Amino acid sequence: MAQNILLTGVTGFIAKRIAQDLLAAGHEVCGSLRSPAREGEVRAALGDPEALSFATLDLSSDDGWAAAMEGRDALLHTASPFPLEDPKHEDELIRPAVDGTLRALRSAQAAGVTRVVLTSSVVAMIHADRPKGHLYGPGDWTDLDHPTSRAYVKSKTLAERAAWDFVADHPEMELTVINPGFVLGRPLDGKFGTSLSVIERILGGKDPAVPDLGFPTVDVADVSRLHVEALARPATIGKRIVAAGDYRTMPEIAALLKDAYPGRKITTRVAPRWLLRVIGLFDPAVRSITPQVGFHTPTDNSETRAIYEMEFIPARDAILASADAVLTA
């Protein structure tokens, strides 16, 4: 059944694909953006469909939320800051993420919109010590005091916690939370943001070695599918949905890209910790990931596959699609 959806953060890599798939399924979409100047960018990416409209909203302000929520059937809340490096003060990420999530939920509840799909992240699950061989899943929550819990990790964890607390106080709300891993795949335009910049960095040969980091990896097409189909799958209500397929390490990703692009100077050497510390003195992005080196966190997506009756796009395909998009952008 066609619905009228408010989709927040429509300029994002994931949200643009969600918008495309919602429109293809016959839904009407109102996409929120912080600046109306970016409306043309989104229309161009989506082919300027008639069923697409826009609202100017900010996670840190109440302005416009009541009007934007009026007449909607559901809220898909994807908007949240996602930087490659940590800010000087972690509240620069945490406060917009938490306050924005609560602002969206309160506006929905006030407008009588009870169906909500929230974009969280596997980082809200995986930053906690577990026995060797443990697969992180919906029952796991990140430890905010864990040494790998950087500002972005805390922002996603606290925002998701706030959403579940809100729903506990308002049981009429029907919440599904989608927890994506490292999102790759082909973007709809050249505005692909933070996640594909990792692939861009490897292809550029900027670093003399790659860190021993690993990611539960997922194609953006699968992430979008999980959001869109949640609206028609009551079994997802009250669930944390692991949106991650194969687990891949940075050296594995680099090796795949080196084979695919033998003419590029792509390193597959694994960086020792001392080298990362030295590079981190001059590169904030490297400095922010150094505590996570060697901390591997494969995930359990069995419940997701069962509920959605699906298999994930292989990580290899998502990585190569990302690389092609970066090189042809």
C-alpha atoms as a PDB file:
ATOM      1  CA  MET A   1       0.000   0.000   0.000  1.00  0.00           C
ATOM      2  CA  ALA A   2       1.352   3.401  -0.984  1.00  0.00           C
ATOM      3  CA  GLN A   3       2.277   5.643   1.927  1.00  0.00           C
ATOM      4  CA  ASN A   4       3.363   9.220   2.472  1.00  0.00           C
ATOM      5  CA  ILE A   5       6.821   9.145   4.071  1.00  0.00           C
ATOM      6  CA  LEU A   6       8.973  11.772   5.756  1.00  0.00           C
ATOM      7  CA  LEU A   7      12.572  10.796   5.047  1.00  0.00           C
ATOM      8  CA  THR A   8      15.096  12.825   7.025  1.00  0.00           C
ATOM      9  CA  GLY A   9      18.603  13.554   5.793  1.00  0.00           C
ATOM     10  CA  VAL A  10      17.676  12.954   2.162  1.00  0.00           C
ATOM     11  CA  THR A  11      21.012  14.309   0.874  1.00  0.00           C
ATOM     12  CA  GLY A  12      22.894  11.383   2.425  1.00  0.00           C
ATOM     13  CA  PHE A  13      24.428   8.437   0.556  1.00  0.00           C
ATOM     14  CA  ILE A  14      22.035   5.934   2.147  1.00  0.00           C
ATOM     15  CA  ALA A  15      19.002   8.228   2.182  1.00  0.00           C
ATOM     16  CA  LYS A  16      19.151   9.028  -1.533  1.00  0.00           C
ATOM     17  CA  ARG A  17      19.000   5.311  -2.312  1.00  0.00           C
ATOM     18  CA  ILE A  18      16.130   4.870   0.160  1.00  0.00           C
ATOM     19  CA  ALA A  19      14.275   7.742  -1.516  1.00  0.00           C
ATOM     20  CA  GLN A  20      14.771   6.152  -4.933  1.00  0.00           C
ATOM     21  CA  ASP A  21      13.471   2.784  -3.728  1.00  0.00           C
ATOM     22  CA  LEU A  22      10.513   4.305  -1.870  1.00  0.00           C
ATOM     23  CA  LEU A  23       9.486   6.197  -4.988  1.00  0.00           C
ATOM     24  CA  ALA A  24       9.915   3.085  -7.142  1.00  0.00           C
ATOM     25  CA  ALA A  25       7.594   1.240  -4.746  1.00  0.00           C
ATOM     26  CA  GLY A  26       4.881   3.865  -5.288  1.00  0.00           C
ATOM     27  CA  HIS A  27       5.276   5.855  -2.079  1.00  0.00           C
ATOM     28  CA  GLU A  28       5.263   9.635  -1.774  1.00  0.00           C
ATOM     29  CA  VAL A  29       8.421  11.015  -0.218  1.00  0.00           C
ATOM     30  CA  CYS A  30       9.083  14.274   1.573  1.00  0.00           C
ATOM     31  CA  GLY A  31      12.831  14.543   2.073  1.00  0.00           C
ATOM     32  CA  SER A  32      14.259  16.770   4.746  1.00  0.00           C
ATOM     33  CA  LEU A  33      17.422  18.798   4.187  1.00  0.00           C
ATOM     34  CA  ARG A  34      19.193  21.441   6.192  1.00  0.00           C
ATOM     35  CA  SER A  35      19.639  23.766   3.237  1.00  0.00           C
ATOM     36  CA  PRO A  36      17.065  24.212   0.446  1.00  0.00           C
ATOM     37  CA  ALA A  37      20.017  24.934  -1.851  1.00  0.00           C
ATOM     38  CA  ARG A  38      20.628  21.166  -2.071  1.00  0.00           C
ATOM     39  CA  GLU A  39      17.160  20.364  -3.406  1.00  0.00           C
ATOM     40  CA  GLY A  40      18.430  20.469  -6.992  1.00  0.00           C
ATOM     41  CA  GLU A  41      21.172  17.965  -6.169  1.00  0.00           C
ATOM     42  CA  VAL A  42      18.647  15.439  -4.856  1.00  0.00           C
ATOM     43  CA  ARG A  43      16.198  15.978  -7.705  1.00  0.00           C
ATOM     44  CA  ALA A  44      18.990  15.422 -10.219  1.00  0.00           C
ATOM     45  CA  ALA A  45      20.075  12.208  -8.497  1.00  0.00           C
ATOM     46  CA  LEU A  46      16.526  10.851  -8.412  1.00  0.00           C
ATOM     47  CA  GLY A  47      15.341  11.992 -11.833  1.00  0.00           C
ATOM     48  CA  ASP A  48      13.042  14.774 -10.509  1.00  0.00           C
ATOM     49  CA  PRO A  49       9.982  12.598  -9.734  1.00  0.00           C
ATOM     50  CA  GLU A  50       6.591  14.224  -9.096  1.00  0.00           C
ATOM     51  CA  ALA A  51       6.064  12.267  -5.867  1.00  0.00           C
ATOM     52  CA  LEU A  52       9.113  13.914  -4.259  1.00  0.00           C
ATOM     53  CA  SER A  53       8.853  17.022  -2.112  1.00  0.00           C
ATOM     54  CA  PHE A  54      11.107  18.683   0.448  1.00  0.00           C
ATOM     55  CA  ALA A  55      11.120  20.207   3.928  1.00  0.00           C
ATOM     56  CA  THR A  56      13.891  22.289   5.464  1.00  0.00           C
ATOM     57  CA  LEU A  57      14.663  20.846   8.895  1.00  0.00           C
ATOM     58  CA  ASP A  58      17.567  20.949  11.331  1.00  0.00           C
ATOM     59  CA  LEU A  59      18.312  18.338  13.992  1.00  0.00           C
ATOM     60  CA  SER A  60      19.019  21.118  16.506  1.00  0.00           C
ATOM     61  CA  SER A  61      15.876  23.214  15.965  1.00  0.00           C
ATOM     62  CA  ASP A  62      12.129  22.626  16.372  1.00  0.00           C
ATOM     63  CA  ASP A  63      11.358  24.875  13.403  1.00  0.00           C
ATOM     64  CA  GLY A  64       9.317  23.172  10.697  1.00  0.00           C
ATOM     65  CA  TRP A  65       9.041  19.712  12.229  1.00  0.00           C
ATOM     66  CA  ALA A  66       5.322  19.863  13.043  1.00  0.00           C
ATOM     67  CA  ALA A  67       4.420  21.019   9.530  1.00  0.00           C
ATOM     68  CA  ALA A  68       6.732  18.474   7.911  1.00  0.00           C
ATOM     69  CA  MET A  69       5.160  15.597   9.856  1.00  0.00           C
ATOM     70  CA  GLU A  70       1.576  16.589   9.111  1.00  0.00           C
ATOM     71  CA  GLY A  71      -0.249  14.062   6.929  1.00  0.00           C
ATOM     72  CA  ARG A  72       2.541  11.480   6.931  1.00  0.00           C
ATOM     73  CA  ASP A  73       2.039   7.755   7.360  1.00  0.00           C
ATOM     74  CA  ALA A  74       5.557   6.940   8.535  1.00  0.00           C
ATOM     75  CA  LEU A  75       8.903   8.462   9.475  1.00  0.00           C
ATOM     76  CA  LEU A  76      12.230   7.177   8.182  1.00  0.00           C
ATOM     77  CA  HIS A  77      14.877   8.941  10.236  1.00  0.00           C
ATOM     78  CA  THR A  78      18.334   8.627   8.666  1.00  0.00           C
ATOM     79  CA  ALA A  79      19.790  12.050   9.436  1.00  0.00           C
ATOM     80  CA  SER A  80      22.866  11.960  11.683  1.00  0.00           C
ATOM     81  CA  PRO A  81      26.375  13.410  11.383  1.00  0.00           C
ATOM     82  CA  PHE A  82      29.064  10.929  10.148  1.00  0.00           C
ATOM     83  CA  PRO A  83      32.576  12.434   9.973  1.00  0.00           C
ATOM     84  CA  LEU A  84      35.762  10.601   9.012  1.00  0.00           C
ATOM     85  CA  GLU A  85      37.612  12.092  11.990  1.00  0.00           C
ATOM     86  CA  ASP A  86      36.627  12.948  15.539  1.00  0.00           C
ATOM     87  CA  PRO A  87      35.641  16.528  16.395  1.00  0.00           C
ATOM     88  CA  LYS A  88      37.481  18.484  19.069  1.00  0.00           C
ATOM     89  CA  HIS A  89      34.530  18.017  21.408  1.00  0.00           C
ATOM     90  CA  GLU A  90      32.486  14.791  21.225  1.00  0.00           C
ATOM     91  CA  ASP A  91      29.240  16.624  22.019  1.00  0.00           C
ATOM     92  CA  GLU A  92      29.487  18.195  18.559  1.00  0.00           C
ATOM     93  CA  LEU A  93      28.378  14.758  17.296  1.00  0.00           C
ATOM     94  CA  ILE A  94      26.508  13.355  20.269  1.00  0.00           C
ATOM     95  CA  ARG A  95      24.096  16.201  20.887  1.00  0.00           C
ATOM     96  CA  PRO A  96      22.772  16.543  17.297  1.00  0.00           C
ATOM     97  CA  ALA A  97      22.409  12.759  17.019  1.00  0.00           C
ATOM     98  CA  VAL A  98      20.532  12.290  20.292  1.00  0.00           C
ATOM     99  CA  ASP A  99      18.538  15.527  20.258  1.00  0.00           C
ATOM    100  CA  GLY A 100      17.704  15.130  16.573  1.00  0.00           C
ATOM    101  CA  THR A 101      16.427  11.591  17.070  1.00  0.00           C
ATOM    102  CA  LEU A 102      14.239  12.638  19.978  1.00  0.00           C
ATOM    103  CA  ARG A 103      13.031  15.715  18.103  1.00  0.00           C
ATOM    104  CA  ALA A 104      11.968  13.539  15.156  1.00  0.00           C
ATOM    105  CA  LEU A 105      10.237  10.992  17.396  1.00  0.00           C
ATOM    106  CA  ARG A 106       8.409  13.626  19.432  1.00  0.00           C
ATOM    107  CA  SER A 107       7.217  15.343  16.282  1.00  0.00           C
ATOM    108  CA  ALA A 108       5.972  12.053  14.867  1.00  0.00           C
ATOM    109  CA  GLN A 109       4.179  11.110  18.073  1.00  0.00           C
ATOM    110  CA  ALA A 110       2.551  14.549  18.320  1.00  0.00           C
ATOM    111  CA  ALA A 111       1.301  14.225  14.730  1.00  0.00           C
ATOM    112  CA  GLY A 112      -0.106  10.755  15.321  1.00  0.00           C
ATOM    113  CA  VAL A 113       2.567   9.106  13.177  1.00  0.00           C
ATOM    114  CA  THR A 114       3.345   5.869  14.987  1.00  0.00           C
ATOM    115  CA  ARG A 115       5.412   3.926  12.419  1.00  0.00           C
ATOM    116  CA  VAL A 116       9.109   4.792  12.551  1.00  0.00           C
ATOM    117  CA  VAL A 117      12.193   3.274  10.944  1.00  0.00           C
ATOM    118  CA  LEU A 118      15.433   4.596  12.423  1.00  0.00           C
ATOM    119  CA  THR A 119      18.914   4.319  10.938  1.00  0.00           C
ATOM    120  CA  SER A 120      21.398   3.421  13.658  1.00  0.00           C
ATOM    121  CA  SER A 121      24.647   1.500  13.066  1.00  0.00           C
ATOM    122  CA  VAL A 122      26.398  -1.714  14.029  1.00  0.00           C
ATOM    123  CA  VAL A 123      28.744   0.548  15.997  1.00  0.00           C
ATOM    124  CA  ALA A 124      25.950   0.680  18.584  1.00  0.00           C
ATOM    125  CA  MET A 125      26.470  -3.093  19.033  1.00  0.00           C
ATOM    126  CA  ILE A 126      30.095  -4.016  18.502  1.00  0.00           C
ATOM    127  CA  HIS A 127      32.310  -1.867  20.732  1.00  0.00           C
ATOM    128  CA  ALA A 128      32.358  -4.191  23.724  1.00  0.00           C
ATOM    129  CA  ASP A 129      34.592  -7.030  24.805  1.00  0.00           C
ATOM    130  CA  ARG A 130      33.147 -10.470  24.133  1.00  0.00           C
ATOM    131  CA  PRO A 131      34.637 -13.983  24.088  1.00  0.00           C
ATOM    132  CA  LYS A 132      36.739 -14.933  21.061  1.00  0.00           C
ATOM    133  CA  GLY A 133      34.513 -16.101  18.198  1.00  0.00           C
ATOM    134  CA  HIS A 134      31.485 -14.130  19.407  1.00  0.00           C
ATOM    135  CA  LEU A 135      29.204 -12.821  16.649  1.00  0.00           C
ATOM    136  CA  TYR A 136      27.794  -9.430  17.578  1.00  0.00           C
ATOM    137  CA  GLY A 137      24.055  -9.122  17.094  1.00  0.00           C
ATOM    138  CA  PRO A 138      20.803  -7.487  18.238  1.00  0.00           C
ATOM    139  CA  GLY A 139      21.354  -8.468  21.866  1.00  0.00           C
ATOM    140  CA  ASP A 140      24.681  -6.636  22.068  1.00  0.00           C
ATOM    141  CA  TRP A 141      25.158  -3.033  23.114  1.00  0.00           C
ATOM    142  CA  THR A 142      28.311  -0.977  22.845  1.00  0.00           C
ATOM    143  CA  ASP A 143      30.172  -0.138  26.032  1.00  0.00           C
ATOM    144  CA  LEU A 144      30.588   3.636  25.992  1.00  0.00           C
ATOM    145  CA  ASP A 145      33.723   3.324  28.131  1.00  0.00           C
ATOM    146  CA  HIS A 146      35.391   0.847  25.774  1.00  0.00           C
ATOM    147  CA  PRO A 147      38.706   2.196  24.422  1.00  0.00           C
ATOM    148  CA  THR A 148      37.394   1.925  20.851  1.00  0.00           C
ATOM    149  CA  SER A 149      34.262   3.997  21.571  1.00  0.00           C
ATOM    150  CA  ARG A 150      35.100   7.205  19.727  1.00  0.00           C
ATOM    151  CA  ALA A 151      32.687  10.134  19.444  1.00  0.00           C
ATOM    152  CA  TYR A 152      30.778   8.763  16.437  1.00  0.00           C
ATOM    153  CA  VAL A 153      30.298   5.409  18.187  1.00  0.00           C
ATOM    154  CA  LYS A 154      28.916   7.143  21.257  1.00  0.00           C
ATOM    155  CA  SER A 155      26.620   9.335  19.169  1.00  0.00           C
ATOM    156  CA  LYS A 156      24.984   6.371  17.413  1.00  0.00           C
ATOM    157  CA  THR A 157      24.726   4.309  20.595  1.00  0.00           C
ATOM    158  CA  LEU A 158      23.202   7.078  22.685  1.00  0.00           C
ATOM    159  CA  ALA A 159      20.802   8.116  19.906  1.00  0.00           C
ATOM    160  CA  GLU A 160      19.529   4.566  19.508  1.00  0.00           C
ATOM    161  CA  ARG A 161      19.223   4.115  23.275  1.00  0.00           C
ATOM    162  CA  ALA A 162      17.206   7.337  23.418  1.00  0.00           C
ATOM    163  CA  ALA A 163      14.870   6.066  20.700  1.00  0.00           C
ATOM    164  CA  TRP A 164      14.153   2.800  22.513  1.00  0.00           C
ATOM    165  CA  ASP A 165      13.602   4.681  25.783  1.00  0.00           C
ATOM    166  CA  PHE A 166      11.143   6.991  24.029  1.00  0.00           C
ATOM    167  CA  VAL A 167       9.215   4.037  22.616  1.00  0.00           C
ATOM    168  CA  ALA A 168       9.105   2.407  26.056  1.00  0.00           C
ATOM    169  CA  ASP A 169       7.379   5.553  27.347  1.00  0.00           C
ATOM    170  CA  HIS A 170       5.062   5.715  24.304  1.00  0.00           C
ATOM    171  CA  PRO A 171       4.047   2.110  23.538  1.00  0.00           C
ATOM    172  CA  GLU A 172       1.854   3.162  20.614  1.00  0.00           C
ATOM    173  CA  MET A 173       5.034   3.878  18.642  1.00  0.00           C
ATOM    174  CA  GLU A 174       6.112   1.066  16.304  1.00  0.00           C
ATOM    175  CA  LEU A 175       9.878   1.293  15.925  1.00  0.00           C
ATOM    176  CA  THR A 176      12.251  -0.656  13.711  1.00  0.00           C
ATOM    177  CA  VAL A 177      15.967   0.125  13.978  1.00  0.00           C
ATOM    178  CA  ILE A 178      18.298  -0.662  11.072  1.00  0.00           C
ATOM    179  CA  ASN A 179      21.946  -1.137  12.088  1.00  0.00           C
ATOM    180  CA  PRO A 180      24.165  -0.926   8.982  1.00  0.00           C
ATOM    181  CA  GLY A 181      27.791  -1.938   8.884  1.00  0.00           C
ATOM    182  CA  PHE A 182      30.381  -0.364   6.582  1.00  0.00           C
ATOM    183  CA  VAL A 183      28.136   0.831   3.760  1.00  0.00           C
ATOM    184  CA  LEU A 184      29.581   0.567   0.270  1.00  0.00           C
ATOM    185  CA  GLY A 185      28.120   0.169  -3.214  1.00  0.00           C
ATOM    186  CA  ARG A 186      27.251   2.480  -6.062  1.00  0.00           C
ATOM    187  CA  PRO A 187      26.026   5.968  -5.129  1.00  0.00           C
ATOM    188  CA  LEU A 188      23.380   7.778  -7.164  1.00  0.00           C
ATOM    189  CA  ASP A 189      25.696  10.752  -7.725  1.00  0.00           C
ATOM    190  CA  GLY A 190      29.153  12.038  -6.885  1.00  0.00           C
ATOM    191  CA  LYS A 191      28.176  13.101  -3.336  1.00  0.00           C
ATOM    192  CA  PHE A 192      29.076   9.835  -1.654  1.00  0.00           C
ATOM    193  CA  GLY A 193      30.332  11.084   1.693  1.00  0.00           C
ATOM    194  CA  THR A 194      32.490   9.388   4.318  1.00  0.00           C
ATOM    195  CA  SER A 195      32.166   5.649   3.713  1.00  0.00           C
ATOM    196  CA  LEU A 196      33.324   5.605   0.085  1.00  0.00           C
ATOM    197  CA  SER A 197      36.124   8.008   0.940  1.00  0.00           C
ATOM    198  CA  VAL A 198      37.856   5.035   2.593  1.00  0.00           C
ATOM    199  CA  ILE A 199      37.880   3.253  -0.786  1.00  0.00           C
ATOM    200  CA  GLU A 200      39.012   6.477  -2.429  1.00  0.00           C
ATOM    201  CA  ARG A 201      41.902   6.715   0.021  1.00  0.00           C
ATOM    202  CA  ILE A 202      43.068   3.146  -0.669  1.00  0.00           C
ATOM    203  CA  LEU A 203      42.862   3.684  -4.434  1.00  0.00           C
ATOM    204  CA  GLY A 204      44.839   6.894  -4.109  1.00  0.00           C
ATOM    205  CA  GLY A 205      47.792   5.143  -2.508  1.00  0.00           C
ATOM    206  CA  LYS A 206      48.120   7.934   0.030  1.00  0.00           C
ATOM    207  CA  ASP A 207      49.299   5.698   2.871  1.00  0.00           C
ATOM    208  CA  PRO A 208      52.419   3.480   3.001  1.00  0.00           C
ATOM    209  CA  ALA A 209      50.404   0.704   4.683  1.00  0.00           C
ATOM    210  CA  VAL A 210      46.825  -0.126   5.668  1.00  0.00           C
ATOM    211  CA  PRO A 211      45.628  -0.653   9.257  1.00  0.00           C
ATOM    212  CA  ASP A 212      44.497  -3.988  10.656  1.00  0.00           C
ATOM    213  CA  LEU A 213      40.873  -2.919  10.843  1.00  0.00           C
ATOM    214  CA  GLY A 214      37.819  -4.962   9.961  1.00  0.00           C
ATOM    215  CA  PHE A 215      34.266  -4.089   8.985  1.00  0.00           C
ATOM    216  CA  PRO A 216      30.957  -5.919   8.721  1.00  0.00           C
ATOM    217  CA  THR A 217      30.354  -4.758   5.145  1.00  0.00           C
ATOM    218  CA  VAL A 218      27.073  -4.121   3.320  1.00  0.00           C
ATOM    219  CA  ASP A 219      25.914  -2.769  -0.029  1.00  0.00           C
ATOM    220  CA  VAL A 220      23.813   0.388   0.061  1.00  0.00           C
ATOM    221  CA  ALA A 221      21.154  -1.400  -1.999  1.00  0.00           C
ATOM    222  CA  ASP A 222      20.643  -3.906   0.821  1.00  0.00           C
ATOM    223  CA  VAL A 223      20.562  -1.174   3.461  1.00  0.00           C
ATOM    224  CA  SER A 224      17.860   0.623   1.501  1.00  0.00           C
ATOM    225  CA  ARG A 225      15.886  -2.575   1.014  1.00  0.00           C
ATOM    226  CA  LEU A 226      15.865  -3.232   4.754  1.00  0.00           C
ATOM    227  CA  HIS A 227      14.483   0.252   5.429  1.00  0.00           C
ATOM    228  CA  VAL A 228      11.827   0.193   2.720  1.00  0.00           C
ATOM    229  CA  GLU A 229      10.585  -3.358   3.293  1.00  0.00           C
ATOM    230  CA  ALA A 230      10.384  -2.773   7.054  1.00  0.00           C
ATOM    231  CA  LEU A 231       7.263  -0.711   6.360  1.00  0.00           C
ATOM    232  CA  ALA A 232       5.498  -3.812   5.021  1.00  0.00           C
ATOM    233  CA  ARG A 233       6.964  -6.325   7.485  1.00  0.00           C
ATOM    234  CA  PRO A 234       5.327  -6.145  10.949  1.00  0.00           C
ATOM    235  CA  ALA A 235       7.853  -8.740  12.149  1.00  0.00           C
ATOM    236  CA  THR A 236      10.489  -5.978  12.146  1.00  0.00           C
ATOM    237  CA  ILE A 237       8.646  -3.855  14.736  1.00  0.00           C
ATOM    238  CA  GLY A 238      10.557  -3.773  17.998  1.00  0.00           C
ATOM    239  CA  LYS A 239      13.654  -5.235  16.337  1.00  0.00           C
ATOM    240  CA  ARG A 240      17.254  -4.159  15.853  1.00  0.00           C
ATOM    241  CA  ILE A 241      18.076  -5.266  12.318  1.00  0.00           C
ATOM    242  CA  VAL A 242      21.706  -6.130  11.596  1.00  0.00           C
ATOM    243  CA  ALA A 243      22.372  -4.677   8.133  1.00  0.00           C
ATOM    244  CA  ALA A 244      25.721  -6.291   7.405  1.00  0.00           C
ATOM    245  CA  GLY A 245      26.900  -9.107   5.197  1.00  0.00           C
ATOM    246  CA  ASP A 246      30.477 -10.356   4.870  1.00  0.00           C
ATOM    247  CA  TYR A 247      33.222  -9.266   7.254  1.00  0.00           C
ATOM    248  CA  ARG A 248      36.209  -7.720   5.488  1.00  0.00           C
ATOM    249  CA  THR A 249      39.489  -6.313   6.786  1.00  0.00           C
ATOM    250  CA  MET A 250      41.288  -3.324   5.309  1.00  0.00           C
ATOM    251  CA  PRO A 251      44.166  -5.499   4.037  1.00  0.00           C
ATOM    252  CA  GLU A 252      41.622  -7.786   2.327  1.00  0.00           C
ATOM    253  CA  ILE A 253      39.892  -4.802   0.735  1.00  0.00           C
ATOM    254  CA  ALA A 254      43.233  -3.404  -0.430  1.00  0.00           C
ATOM    255  CA  ALA A 255      44.243  -6.776  -1.898  1.00  0.00           C
ATOM    256  CA  LEU A 256      40.965  -7.021  -3.818  1.00  0.00           C
ATOM    257  CA  LEU A 257      41.402  -3.518  -5.231  1.00  0.00           C
ATOM    258  CA  LYS A 258      45.041  -4.174  -6.119  1.00  0.00           C
ATOM    259  CA  ASP A 259      43.985  -7.226  -8.150  1.00  0.00           C
ATOM    260  CA  ALA A 260      41.178  -5.269  -9.805  1.00  0.00           C
ATOM    261  CA  TYR A 261      43.371  -2.238 -10.611  1.00  0.00           C
ATOM    262  CA  PRO A 262      46.935  -3.531 -11.096  1.00  0.00           C
ATOM    263  CA  GLY A 263      48.026  -0.230 -12.644  1.00  0.00           C
ATOM    264  CA  ARG A 264      47.386   1.731  -9.452  1.00  0.00           C
ATOM    265  CA  LYS A 265      49.861   2.029  -6.579  1.00  0.00           C
ATOM    266  CA  ILE A 266      47.751   0.292  -3.949  1.00  0.00           C
ATOM    267  CA  THR A 267      49.563  -0.967  -0.881  1.00  0.00           C
ATOM    268  CA  THR A 268      48.543  -4.152   0.919  1.00  0.00           C
ATOM    269  CA  ARG A 269      51.188  -3.916   3.626  1.00  0.00           C
ATOM    270  CA  VAL A 270      49.721  -4.037   7.136  1.00  0.00           C
ATOM    271  CA  ALA A 271      50.670  -0.973   9.152  1.00  0.00           C
ATOM    272  CA  PRO A 272      52.300  -1.572  12.538  1.00  0.00           C
ATOM    273  CA  ARG A 273      50.851   0.386  15.423  1.00  0.00           C
ATOM    274  CA  TRP A 274      53.930   2.590  15.766  1.00  0.00           C
ATOM    275  CA  LEU A 275      53.561   3.720  12.152  1.00  0.00           C
ATOM    276  CA  LEU A 276      49.889   4.575  12.659  1.00  0.00           C
ATOM    277  CA  ARG A 277      50.807   6.619  15.722  1.00  0.00           C
ATOM    278  CA  VAL A 278      53.374   8.563  13.721  1.00  0.00           C
ATOM    279  CA  ILE A 279      50.977   9.177  10.806  1.00  0.00           C
ATOM    280  CA  GLY A 280      48.289  10.097  13.312  1.00  0.00           C
ATOM    281  CA  LEU A 281      50.397  12.982  14.561  1.00  0.00           C
ATOM    282  CA  PHE A 282      49.694  14.710  11.237  1.00  0.00           C
ATOM    283  CA  ASP A 283      46.463  13.016  10.068  1.00  0.00           C
ATOM    284  CA  PRO A 284      43.387  13.261  12.333  1.00  0.00           C
ATOM    285  CA  ALA A 285      41.544  10.530  10.385  1.00  0.00           C
ATOM    286  CA  VAL A 286      44.327   8.022  11.124  1.00  0.00           C
ATOM    287  CA  ARG A 287      44.587   9.178  14.730  1.00  0.00           C
ATOM    288  CA  SER A 288      40.868   8.545  15.296  1.00  0.00           C
ATOM    289  CA  ILE A 289      40.973   4.910  14.120  1.00  0.00           C
ATOM    290  CA  THR A 290      44.212   3.832  15.808  1.00  0.00           C
ATOM    291  CA  PRO A 291      42.509   2.540  19.036  1.00  0.00           C
ATOM    292  CA  GLN A 292      40.418   0.146  16.913  1.00  0.00           C
ATOM    293  CA  VAL A 293      43.386  -1.604  15.267  1.00  0.00           C
ATOM    294  CA  GLY A 294      43.260  -5.356  15.812  1.00  0.00           C
ATOM    295  CA  PHE A 295      39.756  -5.217  17.323  1.00  0.00           C
ATOM    296  CA  HIS A 296      37.692  -7.472  15.036  1.00  0.00           C
ATOM    297  CA  THR A 297      33.908  -7.625  15.340  1.00  0.00           C
ATOM    298  CA  PRO A 298      32.060  -9.991  12.979  1.00  0.00           C
ATOM    299  CA  THR A 299      28.268  -9.795  13.209  1.00  0.00           C
ATOM    300  CA  ASP A 300      25.334 -12.223  13.219  1.00  0.00           C
ATOM    301  CA  ASN A 301      22.792 -11.375  10.503  1.00  0.00           C
ATOM    302  CA  SER A 302      20.810 -14.637  10.752  1.00  0.00           C
ATOM    303  CA  GLU A 303      17.692 -12.967  12.152  1.00  0.00           C
ATOM    304  CA  THR A 304      17.768 -10.331   9.405  1.00  0.00           C
ATOM    305  CA  ARG A 305      18.026 -12.982   6.690  1.00  0.00           C
ATOM    306  CA  ALA A 306      15.151 -14.936   8.235  1.00  0.00           C
ATOM    307  CA  ILE A 307      12.776 -11.981   8.678  1.00  0.00           C
ATOM    308  CA  TYR A 308      13.444 -10.532   5.227  1.00  0.00           C
ATOM    309  CA  GLU A 309      13.928 -13.878   3.438  1.00  0.00           C
ATOM    310  CA  MET A 310      17.058 -12.528   1.779  1.00  0.00           C
ATOM    311  CA  GLU A 311      20.745 -13.025   1.183  1.00  0.00           C
ATOM    312  CA  PHE A 312      23.111 -10.082   1.264  1.00  0.00           C
ATOM    313  CA  ILE A 313      24.986  -8.797  -1.774  1.00  0.00           C
ATOM    314  CA  PRO A 314      28.576 -10.118  -1.427  1.00  0.00           C
ATOM    315  CA  ALA A 315      31.070  -7.655   0.039  1.00  0.00           C
ATOM    316  CA  ARG A 316      33.309  -8.187  -2.983  1.00  0.00           C
ATOM    317  CA  ASP A 317      30.622  -6.809  -5.291  1.00  0.00           C
ATOM    318  CA  ALA A 318      29.979  -3.820  -3.020  1.00  0.00           C
ATOM    319  CA  ILE A 319      33.697  -2.981  -2.806  1.00  0.00           C
ATOM    320  CA  LEU A 320      34.224  -3.159  -6.565  1.00  0.00           C
ATOM    321  CA  ALA A 321      31.085  -1.123  -7.269  1.00  0.00           C
ATOM    322  CA  SER A 322      32.356   1.524  -4.855  1.00  0.00           C
ATOM    323  CA  ALA A 323      35.762   1.637  -6.511  1.00  0.00           C
ATOM    324  CA  ASP A 324      34.272   2.000  -9.959  1.00  0.00           C
ATOM    325  CA  ALA A 325      32.021   4.806  -8.750  1.00  0.00           C
ATOM    326  CA  VAL A 326      34.908   6.649  -7.099  1.00  0.00           C
ATOM    327  CA  LEU A 327      37.130   6.394 -10.155  1.00  0.00           C
ATOM    328  CA  THR A 328      34.415   7.516 -12.583  1.00  0.00           C
ATOM    329  CA  ALA A 329      32.930  10.281 -10.420  1.00  0.00           C
END
